Amino acid sequence: MNIASPIASQPVIEENGTMAEPFRLWSQQITDLQILTGSGTPEGTVSAPITTLYMDTAGGAGAVLYIKRDTDVAADPKQGWILV
């Protein structure tokens, strides 16, 4: 995913006090890049979009990093994680 920097000449906040759309979209893209963390496998417990990374803080050698590979499995958005 290519994330372009916000254009400095565009407003961050609209006159009505809401976040400007280009800045809101940029903020969401940056937020989506974060690595989720938790104790234990995310499979069956964490819902996330495809390509999300998850780090198991309780994982041992070879069982620490997961990636969300499938949108869902059997219509369950908390499924579809693989250990990488």
N, C-alpha and C. Protein backbone atom coordinates (compact mmCIF):
# COMPACT_ATOMS: atom_id res chain seq x y z
N MET A 1 0.85 -1.16 0.00
CA MET A 1 0.00 0.00 0.00
C MET A 1 0.90 1.23 0.00
N ASN A 2 0.67 2.12 -0.94
CA ASN A 2 1.38 3.39 -0.96
C ASN A 2 0.55 4.44 -0.25
N ILE A 3 1.14 5.06 0.74
CA ILE A 3 0.43 6.08 1.50
C ILE A 3 1.14 7.40 1.26
N ALA A 4 0.44 8.29 0.57
CA ALA A 4 1.01 9.61 0.29
C ALA A 4 0.82 10.50 1.51
N SER A 5 1.78 11.37 1.74
CA SER A 5 1.67 12.33 2.84
C SER A 5 0.53 13.31 2.56
N PRO A 6 -0.11 13.80 3.60
CA PRO A 6 -1.17 14.80 3.39
C PRO A 6 -0.58 16.05 2.72
N ILE A 7 -1.40 16.69 1.92
CA ILE A 7 -0.98 17.91 1.24
C ILE A 7 -1.07 19.07 2.24
N ALA A 8 0.05 19.74 2.45
CA ALA A 8 0.14 20.78 3.48
C ALA A 8 -0.85 21.92 3.26
N SER A 9 -1.24 22.17 2.02
CA SER A 9 -2.15 23.29 1.74
C SER A 9 -3.61 22.94 2.01
N GLN A 10 -3.90 21.66 2.26
CA GLN A 10 -5.29 21.26 2.54
C GLN A 10 -5.56 21.34 4.03
N PRO A 11 -6.77 21.73 4.40
CA PRO A 11 -7.10 21.84 5.83
C PRO A 11 -7.19 20.46 6.49
N VAL A 12 -6.85 20.42 7.75
CA VAL A 12 -6.97 19.20 8.54
C VAL A 12 -8.37 19.13 9.14
N ILE A 13 -8.88 20.29 9.53
CA ILE A 13 -10.21 20.40 10.14
C ILE A 13 -11.08 21.30 9.28
N GLU A 14 -12.32 20.88 9.04
CA GLU A 14 -13.27 21.68 8.28
C GLU A 14 -13.81 22.81 9.17
N GLU A 15 -14.47 23.76 8.56
CA GLU A 15 -15.02 24.91 9.31
C GLU A 15 -16.02 24.46 10.38
N ASN A 16 -16.70 23.35 10.14
CA ASN A 16 -17.70 22.87 11.12
C ASN A 16 -17.06 22.07 12.26
N GLY A 17 -15.72 21.96 12.25
CA GLY A 17 -15.01 21.27 13.33
C GLY A 17 -14.77 19.79 13.09
N THR A 18 -15.25 19.27 11.97
CA THR A 18 -15.01 17.85 11.68
C THR A 18 -13.69 17.68 10.94
N MET A 19 -13.16 16.46 10.97
CA MET A 19 -11.90 16.17 10.29
C MET A 19 -12.12 16.23 8.78
N ALA A 20 -11.23 16.89 8.08
CA ALA A 20 -11.31 16.98 6.63
C ALA A 20 -11.15 15.58 6.03
N GLU A 21 -11.89 15.28 4.97
CA GLU A 21 -11.91 13.95 4.37
C GLU A 21 -10.52 13.44 3.96
N PRO A 22 -9.69 14.22 3.24
CA PRO A 22 -8.37 13.69 2.88
C PRO A 22 -7.52 13.34 4.11
N PHE A 23 -7.61 14.16 5.15
CA PHE A 23 -6.84 13.88 6.36
C PHE A 23 -7.40 12.67 7.10
N ARG A 24 -8.73 12.52 7.10
CA ARG A 24 -9.36 11.37 7.74
C ARG A 24 -8.92 10.08 7.04
N LEU A 25 -8.92 10.07 5.72
CA LEU A 25 -8.50 8.89 4.97
C LEU A 25 -7.04 8.54 5.24
N TRP A 26 -6.17 9.56 5.26
CA TRP A 26 -4.76 9.35 5.55
C TRP A 26 -4.59 8.77 6.95
N SER A 27 -5.30 9.32 7.91
CA SER A 27 -5.23 8.84 9.30
C SER A 27 -5.65 7.38 9.40
N GLN A 28 -6.69 7.01 8.66
CA GLN A 28 -7.16 5.62 8.69
C GLN A 28 -6.13 4.68 8.08
N GLN A 29 -5.49 5.11 6.99
CA GLN A 29 -4.45 4.28 6.37
C GLN A 29 -3.28 4.06 7.33
N ILE A 30 -2.88 5.09 8.02
CA ILE A 30 -1.78 4.97 8.98
C ILE A 30 -2.18 4.05 10.14
N THR A 31 -3.40 4.20 10.61
CA THR A 31 -3.89 3.36 11.71
C THR A 31 -3.93 1.89 11.29
N ASP A 32 -4.31 1.62 10.04
CA ASP A 32 -4.39 0.25 9.56
C ASP A 32 -3.03 -0.43 9.49
N LEU A 33 -1.95 0.34 9.51
CA LEU A 33 -0.61 -0.23 9.45
C LEU A 33 -0.11 -0.77 10.78
N GLN A 34 -0.78 -0.45 11.85
CA GLN A 34 -0.30 -0.86 13.16
C GLN A 34 -0.31 -2.38 13.32
N ILE A 35 0.57 -2.88 14.14
CA ILE A 35 0.61 -4.30 14.46
C ILE A 35 -0.22 -4.50 15.73
N LEU A 36 -1.22 -5.35 15.63
CA LEU A 36 -2.03 -5.66 16.80
C LEU A 36 -1.23 -6.56 17.73
N THR A 37 -1.47 -6.46 19.01
CA THR A 37 -0.79 -7.33 19.98
C THR A 37 -1.81 -7.91 20.94
N GLY A 38 -1.48 -9.06 21.47
CA GLY A 38 -2.33 -9.71 22.45
C GLY A 38 -1.64 -10.96 22.96
N SER A 39 -2.24 -11.57 23.94
CA SER A 39 -1.69 -12.78 24.54
C SER A 39 -2.45 -13.98 24.01
N GLY A 40 -1.77 -14.79 23.23
CA GLY A 40 -2.40 -15.96 22.64
C GLY A 40 -2.70 -15.75 21.16
N THR A 41 -3.11 -16.82 20.51
CA THR A 41 -3.41 -16.76 19.09
C THR A 41 -4.61 -15.85 18.81
N PRO A 42 -4.60 -15.13 17.67
CA PRO A 42 -5.74 -14.29 17.31
C PRO A 42 -6.88 -15.11 16.69
N GLU A 43 -6.57 -16.33 16.23
CA GLU A 43 -7.56 -17.16 15.54
C GLU A 43 -8.78 -17.39 16.42
N GLY A 44 -9.92 -16.96 15.92
CA GLY A 44 -11.17 -17.13 16.65
C GLY A 44 -11.47 -16.05 17.66
N THR A 45 -10.53 -15.11 17.86
CA THR A 45 -10.76 -14.07 18.87
C THR A 45 -10.61 -12.65 18.35
N VAL A 46 -9.84 -12.44 17.26
CA VAL A 46 -9.56 -11.09 16.78
C VAL A 46 -10.07 -10.91 15.36
N SER A 47 -10.94 -9.93 15.17
CA SER A 47 -11.45 -9.58 13.85
C SER A 47 -10.58 -8.45 13.29
N ALA A 48 -10.13 -8.59 12.03
CA ALA A 48 -9.27 -7.58 11.42
C ALA A 48 -9.33 -7.71 9.90
N PRO A 49 -8.95 -6.65 9.18
CA PRO A 49 -8.91 -6.75 7.72
C PRO A 49 -7.71 -7.59 7.26
N ILE A 50 -7.81 -8.10 6.04
CA ILE A 50 -6.73 -8.87 5.43
C ILE A 50 -5.44 -8.05 5.47
N THR A 51 -4.33 -8.69 5.66
CA THR A 51 -2.95 -8.18 5.74
C THR A 51 -2.59 -7.60 7.10
N THR A 52 -3.51 -7.62 8.06
CA THR A 52 -3.20 -7.13 9.40
C THR A 52 -2.20 -8.07 10.06
N LEU A 53 -1.23 -7.52 10.75
CA LEU A 53 -0.26 -8.31 11.51
C LEU A 53 -0.67 -8.34 12.98
N TYR A 54 -0.39 -9.44 13.63
CA TYR A 54 -0.70 -9.63 15.05
C TYR A 54 0.50 -10.28 15.72
N MET A 55 0.94 -9.72 16.83
CA MET A 55 2.05 -10.28 17.59
C MET A 55 1.53 -10.85 18.90
N ASP A 56 1.81 -12.13 19.11
CA ASP A 56 1.41 -12.82 20.33
C ASP A 56 2.47 -12.57 21.40
N THR A 57 2.11 -11.79 22.40
CA THR A 57 3.07 -11.42 23.45
C THR A 57 3.42 -12.61 24.35
N ALA A 58 2.64 -13.67 24.29
CA ALA A 58 2.91 -14.86 25.11
C ALA A 58 3.50 -15.99 24.27
N GLY A 59 3.71 -15.74 22.98
CA GLY A 59 4.18 -16.78 22.07
C GLY A 59 5.62 -17.17 22.32
N GLY A 60 5.91 -18.41 22.03
CA GLY A 60 7.28 -18.90 22.14
C GLY A 60 7.98 -18.84 20.80
N ALA A 61 9.16 -19.40 20.73
CA ALA A 61 9.94 -19.40 19.49
C ALA A 61 9.12 -19.98 18.34
N GLY A 62 9.02 -19.24 17.25
CA GLY A 62 8.29 -19.69 16.08
C GLY A 62 6.79 -19.55 16.17
N ALA A 63 6.29 -18.97 17.23
CA ALA A 63 4.84 -18.80 17.38
C ALA A 63 4.51 -17.41 17.90
N VAL A 64 5.01 -16.41 17.19
CA VAL A 64 4.84 -15.04 17.67
C VAL A 64 4.05 -14.16 16.71
N LEU A 65 4.31 -14.29 15.40
CA LEU A 65 3.72 -13.36 14.43
C LEU A 65 2.69 -14.06 13.54
N TYR A 66 1.51 -13.44 13.44
CA TYR A 66 0.43 -13.94 12.62
C TYR A 66 0.06 -12.88 11.59
N ILE A 67 -0.51 -13.32 10.46
CA ILE A 67 -1.03 -12.40 9.46
C ILE A 67 -2.45 -12.84 9.11
N LYS A 68 -3.31 -11.85 8.94
CA LYS A 68 -4.69 -12.14 8.55
C LYS A 68 -4.68 -12.40 7.05
N ARG A 69 -4.89 -13.64 6.64
CA ARG A 69 -4.80 -14.03 5.24
C ARG A 69 -6.15 -14.05 4.56
N ASP A 70 -7.19 -14.46 5.25
CA ASP A 70 -8.52 -14.60 4.65
C ASP A 70 -9.48 -13.61 5.30
N THR A 71 -10.40 -13.10 4.49
CA THR A 71 -11.41 -12.17 5.01
C THR A 71 -12.15 -12.79 6.17
N ASP A 72 -12.62 -14.00 5.96
CA ASP A 72 -13.29 -14.75 7.02
C ASP A 72 -13.31 -16.22 6.61
N VAL A 73 -13.63 -17.06 7.53
CA VAL A 73 -13.77 -18.48 7.27
C VAL A 73 -15.15 -18.87 7.78
N ALA A 74 -15.95 -19.44 6.91
CA ALA A 74 -17.33 -19.81 7.26
C ALA A 74 -18.09 -18.62 7.85
N ALA A 75 -17.89 -17.45 7.23
CA ALA A 75 -18.57 -16.20 7.62
C ALA A 75 -18.16 -15.69 9.00
N ASP A 76 -17.05 -16.17 9.54
CA ASP A 76 -16.57 -15.69 10.84
C ASP A 76 -15.34 -14.80 10.60
N PRO A 77 -15.47 -13.47 10.80
CA PRO A 77 -14.36 -12.55 10.55
C PRO A 77 -13.21 -12.69 11.54
N LYS A 78 -13.38 -13.49 12.57
CA LYS A 78 -12.31 -13.71 13.55
C LYS A 78 -11.43 -14.89 13.15
N GLN A 79 -11.76 -15.53 12.03
CA GLN A 79 -10.99 -16.65 11.50
C GLN A 79 -10.16 -16.17 10.32
N GLY A 80 -9.19 -16.94 9.89
CA GLY A 80 -8.39 -16.62 8.72
C GLY A 80 -6.98 -16.14 9.02
N TRP A 81 -6.52 -16.33 10.25
CA TRP A 81 -5.15 -15.96 10.65
C TRP A 81 -4.20 -17.13 10.36
N ILE A 82 -2.98 -16.82 9.94
CA ILE A 82 -1.96 -17.86 9.79
C ILE A 82 -0.70 -17.44 10.53
N LEU A 83 -0.02 -18.40 11.08
CA LEU A 83 1.25 -18.17 11.76
C LEU A 83 2.33 -18.03 10.70
N VAL A 84 3.13 -16.97 10.80
CA VAL A 84 4.22 -16.78 9.81
C VAL A 84 5.58 -16.90 10.46
